[in-house]
Amino acid sequence: MTELNGLLTGLTSNPIVGRVGVVVITIIAVLIGIRMLQTVVSRSVKEMSARYRIRKFIGFLGYIVLVLILLAMFSERLGQLTVVFGVAGAGIAFALQEVIASVAGWIAISLGGFYRPGERVQVGGIKGDVIDIGVLRTTLMEIGDWVGGDIYNGRIVRVANSFVFKEPVYNYSGEFPFLWDEIKVPVRSGSDWRLAQQVIEKAVADNVAEFQDLASKQWDVLVRKFLIEEARVTPMVTLAVTDNWIEFTARYVVDYRRRRATKDAISRALLIGFEQHRDKLEFGSTTIEITAMPASGAKG
């Protein structure tokens, strides 16, 4: 027992052990403080986006405070280790250049407005909705790939933030949360093309009317903010005569989240419209007829 007491007394009187103990207690206290503040925010802030941002900011600020406290605790020894830190820092910077680039990318994303949580982007060759932005990686809920259309395929992808410096970043829902989409309608030659255009215009207008006012206002904001030309956000139907049929192209603005559903609704409306005028309208199609080949043993 006497030996154990002596050992404990020696450890507590050792300055290194005391310094390590203070460091551990400080780290635990700061982490507990961060978690408590984040819990308070989660209970107090109802809006999901604001709650997410505040929690991220508290975590980031807490880690900065922790680093500053630890630097202050070891400040008297920093002068002796300047040369060592310089050499080690150069080696670490070379070995962790991708990590440093990702941290720089995170700063650029946070301050430059590349994208925010909840927006649909294509970054690093991956398209999906941003569900989290970390210091090193952006997490996406992927859409497309083996699944047709702009719907989730169930795969979560983490992309290094450094990609914002290496590849284009496509934002489908940033300043202008709408997309231009189009659908091509082949009409058989000899059909009433004027009636066909009316049917197509009605099918498109009935299904995209809800987007027009907001899209027009958002586009006006975009024109005032950037050097960009005016663009038509109302539906437009154009015609082209081909060797096989008369091809109409309907172009319209749609919410980026409802592109597939809107095209489906327009296509159904077109089918109904053409069925109602089946005596005057018919879809164009290519028909290939294969006839029987003569037997190889037949005499000419």
C-alpha atoms as a PDB file:
ATOM      1  CA  MET A   1       0.000   0.000   0.000  1.00  0.00           C
ATOM      2  CA  THR A   2       2.843   2.325   0.839  1.00  0.00           C
ATOM      3  CA  GLU A   3       4.445   1.620  -2.540  1.00  0.00           C
ATOM      4  CA  LEU A   4       1.120   2.342  -4.339  1.00  0.00           C
ATOM      5  CA  ASN A   5       0.738   5.645  -2.522  1.00  0.00           C
ATOM      6  CA  GLY A   6       4.311   6.516  -3.415  1.00  0.00           C
ATOM      7  CA  LEU A   7       3.660   5.715  -7.069  1.00  0.00           C
ATOM      8  CA  LEU A   8       0.514   7.837  -7.145  1.00  0.00           C
ATOM      9  CA  THR A   9       2.333  10.694  -5.438  1.00  0.00           C
ATOM     10  CA  GLY A  10       5.116  10.464  -7.984  1.00  0.00           C
ATOM     11  CA  LEU A  11       2.709  10.502 -10.919  1.00  0.00           C
ATOM     12  CA  THR A  12       0.713  13.463  -9.626  1.00  0.00           C
ATOM     13  CA  SER A  13       3.889  15.415  -8.940  1.00  0.00           C
ATOM     14  CA  ASN A  14       5.249  14.709 -12.435  1.00  0.00           C
ATOM     15  CA  PRO A  15       4.728  17.846 -14.570  1.00  0.00           C
ATOM     16  CA  ILE A  16       4.301  15.829 -17.779  1.00  0.00           C
ATOM     17  CA  VAL A  17       1.539  13.702 -16.283  1.00  0.00           C
ATOM     18  CA  GLY A  18      -0.139  16.810 -14.930  1.00  0.00           C
ATOM     19  CA  ARG A  19       0.027  18.528 -18.306  1.00  0.00           C
ATOM     20  CA  VAL A  20      -1.451  15.477 -20.077  1.00  0.00           C
ATOM     21  CA  GLY A  21      -4.246  15.316 -17.511  1.00  0.00           C
ATOM     22  CA  VAL A  22      -5.123  18.969 -18.066  1.00  0.00           C
ATOM     23  CA  VAL A  23      -5.113  18.437 -21.847  1.00  0.00           C
ATOM     24  CA  VAL A  24      -7.438  15.429 -21.601  1.00  0.00           C
ATOM     25  CA  ILE A  25      -9.833  17.261 -19.275  1.00  0.00           C
ATOM     26  CA  THR A  26      -9.838  20.303 -21.571  1.00  0.00           C
ATOM     27  CA  ILE A  27     -10.606  18.212 -24.648  1.00  0.00           C
ATOM     28  CA  ILE A  28     -13.446  16.389 -22.883  1.00  0.00           C
ATOM     29  CA  ALA A  29     -14.910  19.640 -21.540  1.00  0.00           C
ATOM     30  CA  VAL A  30     -14.881  21.326 -24.963  1.00  0.00           C
ATOM     31  CA  LEU A  31     -16.427  18.291 -26.700  1.00  0.00           C
ATOM     32  CA  ILE A  32     -19.164  18.098 -24.065  1.00  0.00           C
ATOM     33  CA  GLY A  33     -19.810  21.817 -24.503  1.00  0.00           C
ATOM     34  CA  ILE A  34     -20.092  21.421 -28.295  1.00  0.00           C
ATOM     35  CA  ARG A  35     -22.522  18.516 -27.957  1.00  0.00           C
ATOM     36  CA  MET A  36     -24.675  20.372 -25.409  1.00  0.00           C
ATOM     37  CA  LEU A  37     -24.929  23.466 -27.604  1.00  0.00           C
ATOM     38  CA  GLN A  38     -25.817  21.338 -30.638  1.00  0.00           C
ATOM     39  CA  THR A  39     -28.522  19.571 -28.615  1.00  0.00           C
ATOM     40  CA  VAL A  40     -29.999  22.907 -27.552  1.00  0.00           C
ATOM     41  CA  VAL A  41     -30.028  24.066 -31.174  1.00  0.00           C
ATOM     42  CA  SER A  42     -31.698  20.838 -32.325  1.00  0.00           C
ATOM     43  CA  ARG A  43     -34.516  21.382 -29.837  1.00  0.00           C
ATOM     44  CA  SER A  44     -34.889  25.118 -30.357  1.00  0.00           C
ATOM     45  CA  VAL A  45     -34.528  25.646 -34.123  1.00  0.00           C
ATOM     46  CA  LYS A  46     -37.402  24.136 -36.115  1.00  0.00           C
ATOM     47  CA  GLU A  47     -36.272  24.988 -39.651  1.00  0.00           C
ATOM     48  CA  MET A  48     -34.178  22.086 -40.938  1.00  0.00           C
ATOM     49  CA  SER A  49     -31.688  24.035 -43.054  1.00  0.00           C
ATOM     50  CA  ALA A  50     -30.998  26.638 -40.366  1.00  0.00           C
ATOM     51  CA  ARG A  51     -30.631  23.930 -37.716  1.00  0.00           C
ATOM     52  CA  TYR A  52     -28.108  22.070 -39.863  1.00  0.00           C
ATOM     53  CA  ARG A  53     -26.012  25.194 -40.503  1.00  0.00           C
ATOM     54  CA  ILE A  54     -25.977  26.294 -36.868  1.00  0.00           C
ATOM     55  CA  ARG A  55     -24.927  22.828 -35.688  1.00  0.00           C
ATOM     56  CA  LYS A  56     -22.100  22.767 -38.238  1.00  0.00           C
ATOM     57  CA  PHE A  57     -20.954  26.242 -37.203  1.00  0.00           C
ATOM     58  CA  ILE A  58     -20.952  25.331 -33.506  1.00  0.00           C
ATOM     59  CA  GLY A  59     -18.861  22.246 -34.210  1.00  0.00           C
ATOM     60  CA  PHE A  60     -16.373  24.163 -36.353  1.00  0.00           C
ATOM     61  CA  LEU A  61     -16.095  27.022 -33.838  1.00  0.00           C
ATOM     62  CA  GLY A  62     -15.682  24.586 -30.957  1.00  0.00           C
ATOM     63  CA  TYR A  63     -12.757  22.831 -32.625  1.00  0.00           C
ATOM     64  CA  ILE A  64     -11.069  26.167 -33.323  1.00  0.00           C
ATOM     65  CA  VAL A  65     -11.461  27.156 -29.664  1.00  0.00           C
ATOM     66  CA  LEU A  66     -10.008  23.795 -28.613  1.00  0.00           C
ATOM     67  CA  VAL A  67      -6.960  24.258 -30.855  1.00  0.00           C
ATOM     68  CA  LEU A  68      -6.387  27.778 -29.532  1.00  0.00           C
ATOM     69  CA  ILE A  69      -6.594  26.579 -25.933  1.00  0.00           C
ATOM     70  CA  LEU A  70      -4.096  23.788 -26.563  1.00  0.00           C
ATOM     71  CA  LEU A  71      -1.721  26.183 -28.328  1.00  0.00           C
ATOM     72  CA  ALA A  72      -1.929  28.574 -25.381  1.00  0.00           C
ATOM     73  CA  MET A  73      -1.175  25.744 -22.956  1.00  0.00           C
ATOM     74  CA  PHE A  74       1.987  24.780 -24.840  1.00  0.00           C
ATOM     75  CA  SER A  75       2.990  28.288 -25.929  1.00  0.00           C
ATOM     76  CA  GLU A  76       6.139  28.400 -23.779  1.00  0.00           C
ATOM     77  CA  ARG A  77       7.573  25.420 -25.650  1.00  0.00           C
ATOM     78  CA  LEU A  78       6.679  26.569 -29.157  1.00  0.00           C
ATOM     79  CA  GLY A  79       9.758  28.729 -29.492  1.00  0.00           C
ATOM     80  CA  GLN A  80      12.040  25.746 -28.940  1.00  0.00           C
ATOM     81  CA  LEU A  81      10.209  23.652 -31.493  1.00  0.00           C
ATOM     82  CA  THR A  82       9.991  26.191 -34.319  1.00  0.00           C
ATOM     83  CA  VAL A  83      12.597  24.519 -36.511  1.00  0.00           C
ATOM     84  CA  VAL A  84      11.178  21.061 -35.876  1.00  0.00           C
ATOM     85  CA  PHE A  85       7.681  22.272 -36.707  1.00  0.00           C
ATOM     86  CA  GLY A  86       8.942  23.889 -39.911  1.00  0.00           C
ATOM     87  CA  VAL A  87      10.599  20.758 -41.231  1.00  0.00           C
ATOM     88  CA  ALA A  88       7.790  18.495 -40.088  1.00  0.00           C
ATOM     89  CA  GLY A  89       5.200  20.888 -41.522  1.00  0.00           C
ATOM     90  CA  ALA A  90       6.808  20.796 -44.957  1.00  0.00           C
ATOM     91  CA  GLY A  91       6.782  16.990 -44.960  1.00  0.00           C
ATOM     92  CA  ILE A  92       3.229  16.814 -43.703  1.00  0.00           C
ATOM     93  CA  ALA A  93       2.054  19.361 -46.281  1.00  0.00           C
ATOM     94  CA  PHE A  94       3.559  17.279 -49.090  1.00  0.00           C
ATOM     95  CA  ALA A  95       2.134  13.997 -47.779  1.00  0.00           C
ATOM     96  CA  LEU A  96      -1.309  15.438 -47.077  1.00  0.00           C
ATOM     97  CA  GLN A  97      -1.667  17.740 -50.075  1.00  0.00           C
ATOM     98  CA  GLU A  98      -4.957  16.099 -51.087  1.00  0.00           C
ATOM     99  CA  VAL A  99      -6.306  16.576 -47.563  1.00  0.00           C
ATOM    100  CA  ILE A 100      -5.198  20.206 -47.543  1.00  0.00           C
ATOM    101  CA  ALA A 101      -6.826  20.735 -50.934  1.00  0.00           C
ATOM    102  CA  SER A 102     -10.056  19.225 -49.580  1.00  0.00           C
ATOM    103  CA  VAL A 103     -10.001  21.568 -46.592  1.00  0.00           C
ATOM    104  CA  ALA A 104      -9.412  24.491 -48.951  1.00  0.00           C
ATOM    105  CA  GLY A 105     -12.296  23.196 -51.060  1.00  0.00           C
ATOM    106  CA  TRP A 106     -14.519  23.125 -47.981  1.00  0.00           C
ATOM    107  CA  ILE A 107     -13.658  26.768 -47.278  1.00  0.00           C
ATOM    108  CA  ALA A 108     -14.399  27.653 -50.912  1.00  0.00           C
ATOM    109  CA  ILE A 109     -17.724  25.804 -50.782  1.00  0.00           C
ATOM    110  CA  SER A 110     -18.704  27.497 -47.526  1.00  0.00           C
ATOM    111  CA  LEU A 111     -17.735  31.016 -48.582  1.00  0.00           C
ATOM    112  CA  GLY A 112     -18.093  30.854 -52.363  1.00  0.00           C
ATOM    113  CA  GLY A 113     -21.621  29.494 -52.575  1.00  0.00           C
ATOM    114  CA  PHE A 114     -20.818  26.543 -54.841  1.00  0.00           C
ATOM    115  CA  TYR A 115     -23.698  24.599 -53.309  1.00  0.00           C
ATOM    116  CA  ARG A 116     -25.540  24.076 -50.042  1.00  0.00           C
ATOM    117  CA  PRO A 117     -27.158  21.097 -48.306  1.00  0.00           C
ATOM    118  CA  GLY A 118     -30.400  20.165 -50.012  1.00  0.00           C
ATOM    119  CA  GLU A 119     -29.348  21.316 -53.484  1.00  0.00           C
ATOM    120  CA  ARG A 120     -28.969  19.041 -56.488  1.00  0.00           C
ATOM    121  CA  VAL A 121     -25.486  19.101 -58.020  1.00  0.00           C
ATOM    122  CA  GLN A 122     -23.087  17.176 -60.188  1.00  0.00           C
ATOM    123  CA  VAL A 123     -19.581  17.203 -58.758  1.00  0.00           C
ATOM    124  CA  GLY A 124     -16.697  14.839 -59.333  1.00  0.00           C
ATOM    125  CA  GLY A 125     -18.727  13.101 -62.033  1.00  0.00           C
ATOM    126  CA  ILE A 126     -21.475  12.193 -59.533  1.00  0.00           C
ATOM    127  CA  LYS A 127     -24.987  13.651 -59.677  1.00  0.00           C
ATOM    128  CA  GLY A 128     -27.184  13.788 -56.598  1.00  0.00           C
ATOM    129  CA  ASP A 129     -28.648  15.828 -53.747  1.00  0.00           C
ATOM    130  CA  VAL A 130     -26.229  17.264 -51.174  1.00  0.00           C
ATOM    131  CA  ILE A 131     -27.055  15.798 -47.754  1.00  0.00           C
ATOM    132  CA  ASP A 132     -23.924  16.854 -45.877  1.00  0.00           C
ATOM    133  CA  ILE A 133     -20.847  19.054 -46.357  1.00  0.00           C
ATOM    134  CA  GLY A 134     -17.906  17.947 -44.225  1.00  0.00           C
ATOM    135  CA  VAL A 135     -14.456  19.436 -43.851  1.00  0.00           C
ATOM    136  CA  LEU A 136     -12.973  16.863 -46.236  1.00  0.00           C
ATOM    137  CA  ARG A 137     -15.894  15.427 -48.192  1.00  0.00           C
ATOM    138  CA  THR A 138     -19.309  16.263 -49.563  1.00  0.00           C
ATOM    139  CA  THR A 139     -21.933  13.544 -49.141  1.00  0.00           C
ATOM    140  CA  LEU A 140     -24.470  13.034 -51.941  1.00  0.00           C
ATOM    141  CA  MET A 141     -27.595  10.943 -52.250  1.00  0.00           C
ATOM    142  CA  GLU A 142     -26.963   9.768 -55.802  1.00  0.00           C
ATOM    143  CA  ILE A 143     -29.550   9.909 -58.574  1.00  0.00           C
ATOM    144  CA  GLY A 144     -29.549   8.208 -61.964  1.00  0.00           C
ATOM    145  CA  ASP A 145     -26.822   5.747 -63.011  1.00  0.00           C
ATOM    146  CA  TRP A 146     -28.604   2.387 -63.438  1.00  0.00           C
ATOM    147  CA  VAL A 147     -31.947   4.052 -62.546  1.00  0.00           C
ATOM    148  CA  GLY A 148     -33.520   6.054 -65.356  1.00  0.00           C
ATOM    149  CA  GLY A 149     -34.573   9.639 -64.691  1.00  0.00           C
ATOM    150  CA  ASP A 150     -33.771  12.028 -61.865  1.00  0.00           C
ATOM    151  CA  ILE A 151     -34.666   9.730 -58.987  1.00  0.00           C
ATOM    152  CA  TYR A 152     -32.605   8.284 -56.141  1.00  0.00           C
ATOM    153  CA  ASN A 153     -30.885   4.967 -56.703  1.00  0.00           C
ATOM    154  CA  GLY A 154     -30.254   4.452 -52.970  1.00  0.00           C
ATOM    155  CA  ARG A 155     -26.473   4.878 -53.104  1.00  0.00           C
ATOM    156  CA  ILE A 156     -24.724   7.420 -50.866  1.00  0.00           C
ATOM    157  CA  VAL A 157     -21.527   8.850 -52.362  1.00  0.00           C
ATOM    158  CA  ARG A 158     -18.814  10.866 -50.643  1.00  0.00           C
ATOM    159  CA  VAL A 159     -16.812  13.165 -52.918  1.00  0.00           C
ATOM    160  CA  ALA A 160     -13.588  14.918 -51.897  1.00  0.00           C
ATOM    161  CA  ASN A 161     -14.052  18.693 -51.618  1.00  0.00           C
ATOM    162  CA  SER A 162     -10.886  19.194 -53.675  1.00  0.00           C
ATOM    163  CA  PHE A 163     -12.920  18.410 -56.808  1.00  0.00           C
ATOM    164  CA  VAL A 164     -14.296  21.967 -56.810  1.00  0.00           C
ATOM    165  CA  PHE A 165     -10.842  23.080 -58.000  1.00  0.00           C
ATOM    166  CA  LYS A 166     -10.410  20.326 -60.580  1.00  0.00           C
ATOM    167  CA  GLU A 167     -13.762  19.829 -62.298  1.00  0.00           C
ATOM    168  CA  PRO A 168     -16.863  21.863 -63.138  1.00  0.00           C
ATOM    169  CA  VAL A 169     -19.565  21.990 -60.483  1.00  0.00           C
ATOM    170  CA  TYR A 170     -23.081  21.743 -61.922  1.00  0.00           C
ATOM    171  CA  ASN A 171     -25.786  23.143 -59.654  1.00  0.00           C
ATOM    172  CA  TYR A 172     -29.334  22.262 -60.680  1.00  0.00           C
ATOM    173  CA  SER A 173     -31.024  24.260 -57.938  1.00  0.00           C
ATOM    174  CA  GLY A 174     -28.857  27.241 -57.036  1.00  0.00           C
ATOM    175  CA  GLU A 175     -29.924  30.733 -58.032  1.00  0.00           C
ATOM    176  CA  PHE A 176     -32.395  29.373 -60.611  1.00  0.00           C
ATOM    177  CA  PRO A 177     -34.119  26.171 -59.384  1.00  0.00           C
ATOM    178  CA  PHE A 178     -35.639  25.397 -62.786  1.00  0.00           C
ATOM    179  CA  LEU A 179     -34.473  23.581 -65.893  1.00  0.00           C
ATOM    180  CA  TRP A 180     -35.329  23.876 -69.554  1.00  0.00           C
ATOM    181  CA  ASP A 181     -36.568  20.572 -70.884  1.00  0.00           C
ATOM    182  CA  GLU A 182     -38.018  19.503 -74.197  1.00  0.00           C
ATOM    183  CA  ILE A 183     -39.988  16.713 -75.755  1.00  0.00           C
ATOM    184  CA  LYS A 184     -40.004  15.788 -79.453  1.00  0.00           C
ATOM    185  CA  VAL A 185     -43.272  14.705 -81.089  1.00  0.00           C
ATOM    186  CA  PRO A 186     -43.122  13.089 -84.567  1.00  0.00           C
ATOM    187  CA  VAL A 187     -46.374  13.565 -86.519  1.00  0.00           C
ATOM    188  CA  ARG A 188     -47.132  11.556 -89.644  1.00  0.00           C
ATOM    189  CA  SER A 189     -46.937  13.483 -92.901  1.00  0.00           C
ATOM    190  CA  GLY A 190     -50.435  14.271 -94.161  1.00  0.00           C
ATOM    191  CA  SER A 191     -51.835  14.906 -90.682  1.00  0.00           C
ATOM    192  CA  ASP A 192     -53.366  18.262 -89.788  1.00  0.00           C
ATOM    193  CA  TRP A 193     -50.157  19.893 -88.540  1.00  0.00           C
ATOM    194  CA  ARG A 194     -51.968  23.040 -87.342  1.00  0.00           C
ATOM    195  CA  LEU A 195     -54.235  20.943 -85.135  1.00  0.00           C
ATOM    196  CA  ALA A 196     -51.207  18.934 -83.975  1.00  0.00           C
ATOM    197  CA  GLN A 197     -49.469  22.124 -82.848  1.00  0.00           C
ATOM    198  CA  GLN A 198     -52.575  23.213 -80.916  1.00  0.00           C
ATOM    199  CA  VAL A 199     -52.803  19.851 -79.155  1.00  0.00           C
ATOM    200  CA  ILE A 200     -49.104  19.929 -78.232  1.00  0.00           C
ATOM    201  CA  GLU A 201     -49.235  23.528 -76.987  1.00  0.00           C
ATOM    202  CA  LYS A 202     -52.239  22.748 -74.792  1.00  0.00           C
ATOM    203  CA  ALA A 203     -50.680  19.581 -73.381  1.00  0.00           C
ATOM    204  CA  VAL A 204     -47.528  21.478 -72.416  1.00  0.00           C
ATOM    205  CA  ALA A 205     -49.247  24.610 -71.103  1.00  0.00           C
ATOM    206  CA  ASP A 206     -51.639  22.656 -68.881  1.00  0.00           C
ATOM    207  CA  ASN A 207     -48.787  20.834 -67.150  1.00  0.00           C
ATOM    208  CA  VAL A 208     -46.196  23.593 -66.697  1.00  0.00           C
ATOM    209  CA  ALA A 209     -48.420  26.590 -65.942  1.00  0.00           C
ATOM    210  CA  GLU A 210     -47.704  26.301 -62.209  1.00  0.00           C
ATOM    211  CA  PHE A 211     -44.001  26.976 -62.778  1.00  0.00           C
ATOM    212  CA  GLN A 212     -44.286  30.074 -64.954  1.00  0.00           C
ATOM    213  CA  ASP A 213     -44.724  32.903 -62.430  1.00  0.00           C
ATOM    214  CA  LEU A 214     -41.996  31.767 -60.034  1.00  0.00           C
ATOM    215  CA  ALA A 215     -39.610  30.895 -62.874  1.00  0.00           C
ATOM    216  CA  SER A 216     -40.104  34.359 -64.412  1.00  0.00           C
ATOM    217  CA  LYS A 217     -39.388  36.085 -61.083  1.00  0.00           C
ATOM    218  CA  GLN A 218     -36.314  33.929 -60.409  1.00  0.00           C
ATOM    219  CA  TRP A 219     -34.979  34.598 -63.886  1.00  0.00           C
ATOM    220  CA  ASP A 220     -35.385  38.372 -63.414  1.00  0.00           C
ATOM    221  CA  VAL A 221     -33.304  38.106 -60.232  1.00  0.00           C
ATOM    222  CA  LEU A 222     -30.669  36.137 -62.127  1.00  0.00           C
ATOM    223  CA  VAL A 223     -30.516  38.730 -64.924  1.00  0.00           C
ATOM    224  CA  ARG A 224     -29.956  41.520 -62.413  1.00  0.00           C
ATOM    225  CA  LYS A 225     -27.263  39.562 -60.590  1.00  0.00           C
ATOM    226  CA  PHE A 226     -25.241  38.222 -63.545  1.00  0.00           C
ATOM    227  CA  LEU A 227     -24.294  39.354 -67.026  1.00  0.00           C
ATOM    228  CA  ILE A 228     -26.806  37.169 -68.829  1.00  0.00           C
ATOM    229  CA  GLU A 229     -29.308  37.653 -71.612  1.00  0.00           C
ATOM    230  CA  GLU A 230     -33.067  37.553 -71.294  1.00  0.00           C
ATOM    231  CA  ALA A 231     -34.522  34.120 -71.964  1.00  0.00           C
ATOM    232  CA  ARG A 232     -38.001  32.835 -72.663  1.00  0.00           C
ATOM    233  CA  VAL A 233     -39.493  30.924 -69.745  1.00  0.00           C
ATOM    234  CA  THR A 234     -42.903  30.400 -71.348  1.00  0.00           C
ATOM    235  CA  PRO A 235     -43.476  27.210 -73.392  1.00  0.00           C
ATOM    236  CA  MET A 236     -42.480  27.250 -77.051  1.00  0.00           C
ATOM    237  CA  VAL A 237     -43.336  24.746 -79.790  1.00  0.00           C
ATOM    238  CA  THR A 238     -41.273  24.649 -82.970  1.00  0.00           C
ATOM    239  CA  LEU A 239     -41.668  22.610 -86.165  1.00  0.00           C
ATOM    240  CA  ALA A 240     -39.260  20.921 -88.533  1.00  0.00           C
ATOM    241  CA  VAL A 241     -40.056  18.908 -91.670  1.00  0.00           C
ATOM    242  CA  THR A 242     -37.972  15.757 -92.064  1.00  0.00           C
ATOM    243  CA  ASP A 243     -37.824  13.018 -94.705  1.00  0.00           C
ATOM    244  CA  ASN A 244     -40.001  10.755 -92.568  1.00  0.00           C
ATOM    245  CA  TRP A 245     -42.458  12.960 -90.674  1.00  0.00           C
ATOM    246  CA  ILE A 246     -43.217  16.398 -89.260  1.00  0.00           C
ATOM    247  CA  GLU A 247     -41.277  16.830 -86.019  1.00  0.00           C
ATOM    248  CA  PHE A 248     -42.490  19.176 -83.309  1.00  0.00           C
ATOM    249  CA  THR A 249     -40.238  20.171 -80.423  1.00  0.00           C
ATOM    250  CA  ALA A 250     -41.881  21.473 -77.261  1.00  0.00           C
ATOM    251  CA  ARG A 251     -39.540  23.418 -74.976  1.00  0.00           C
ATOM    252  CA  TYR A 252     -40.583  24.466 -71.478  1.00  0.00           C
ATOM    253  CA  VAL A 253     -39.314  25.357 -67.999  1.00  0.00           C
ATOM    254  CA  VAL A 254     -39.846  22.868 -65.181  1.00  0.00           C
ATOM    255  CA  ASP A 255     -38.896  22.500 -61.526  1.00  0.00           C
ATOM    256  CA  TYR A 256     -35.677  20.444 -61.342  1.00  0.00           C
ATOM    257  CA  ARG A 257     -37.320  17.978 -58.948  1.00  0.00           C
ATOM    258  CA  ARG A 258     -40.296  17.327 -61.222  1.00  0.00           C
ATOM    259  CA  ARG A 259     -38.710  16.992 -64.648  1.00  0.00           C
ATOM    260  CA  ARG A 260     -39.531  13.310 -65.096  1.00  0.00           C
ATOM    261  CA  ALA A 261     -43.054  13.569 -63.684  1.00  0.00           C
ATOM    262  CA  THR A 262     -43.833  16.583 -65.877  1.00  0.00           C
ATOM    263  CA  LYS A 263     -42.629  14.867 -69.038  1.00  0.00           C
ATOM    264  CA  ASP A 264     -44.782  11.865 -68.141  1.00  0.00           C
ATOM    265  CA  ALA A 265     -47.861  14.085 -67.660  1.00  0.00           C
ATOM    266  CA  ILE A 266     -47.269  15.858 -70.982  1.00  0.00           C
ATOM    267  CA  SER A 267     -46.816  12.564 -72.819  1.00  0.00           C
ATOM    268  CA  ARG A 268     -50.083  11.212 -71.420  1.00  0.00           C
ATOM    269  CA  ALA A 269     -51.899  14.404 -72.384  1.00  0.00           C
ATOM    270  CA  LEU A 270     -50.510  14.075 -75.935  1.00  0.00           C
ATOM    271  CA  LEU A 271     -51.767  10.498 -76.215  1.00  0.00           C
ATOM    272  CA  ILE A 272     -55.231  11.566 -75.108  1.00  0.00           C
ATOM    273  CA  GLY A 273     -55.235  14.551 -77.472  1.00  0.00           C
ATOM    274  CA  PHE A 274     -54.187  12.489 -80.483  1.00  0.00           C
ATOM    275  CA  GLU A 275     -56.758   9.813 -79.666  1.00  0.00           C
ATOM    276  CA  GLN A 276     -59.495  12.438 -79.632  1.00  0.00           C
ATOM    277  CA  HIS A 277     -58.489  13.486 -83.175  1.00  0.00           C
ATOM    278  CA  ARG A 278     -57.427  10.132 -84.548  1.00  0.00           C
ATOM    279  CA  ASP A 279     -59.089  10.898 -87.888  1.00  0.00           C
ATOM    280  CA  LYS A 280     -56.800  13.932 -88.381  1.00  0.00           C
ATOM    281  CA  LEU A 281     -53.711  13.182 -86.320  1.00  0.00           C
ATOM    282  CA  GLU A 282     -51.305  10.279 -86.200  1.00  0.00           C
ATOM    283  CA  PHE A 283     -47.893   9.862 -84.662  1.00  0.00           C
ATOM    284  CA  GLY A 284     -45.034   9.370 -87.082  1.00  0.00           C
ATOM    285  CA  SER A 285     -43.114   6.109 -86.907  1.00  0.00           C
ATOM    286  CA  THR A 286     -40.712   4.059 -88.943  1.00  0.00           C
ATOM    287  CA  THR A 287     -42.064   0.734 -90.189  1.00  0.00           C
ATOM    288  CA  ILE A 288     -39.721  -1.952 -91.462  1.00  0.00           C
ATOM    289  CA  GLU A 289     -41.232  -4.967 -93.208  1.00  0.00           C
ATOM    290  CA  ILE A 290     -39.167  -8.137 -93.499  1.00  0.00           C
ATOM    291  CA  THR A 291     -40.247 -10.549 -96.248  1.00  0.00           C
ATOM    292  CA  ALA A 292     -39.453 -14.227 -96.485  1.00  0.00           C
ATOM    293  CA  MET A 293     -36.195 -15.059 -98.216  1.00  0.00           C
ATOM    294  CA  PRO A 294     -36.211 -17.675-101.009  1.00  0.00           C
ATOM    295  CA  ALA A 295     -34.874 -21.077-100.103  1.00  0.00           C
ATOM    296  CA  SER A 296     -31.164 -21.428-100.816  1.00  0.00           C
ATOM    297  CA  GLY A 297     -31.776 -24.487-102.984  1.00  0.00           C
ATOM    298  CA  ALA A 298     -34.443 -22.877-105.184  1.00  0.00           C
ATOM    299  CA  LYS A 299     -33.647 -22.695-108.896  1.00  0.00           C
ATOM    300  CA  GLY A 300     -33.530 -19.283-110.544  1.00  0.00           C
END
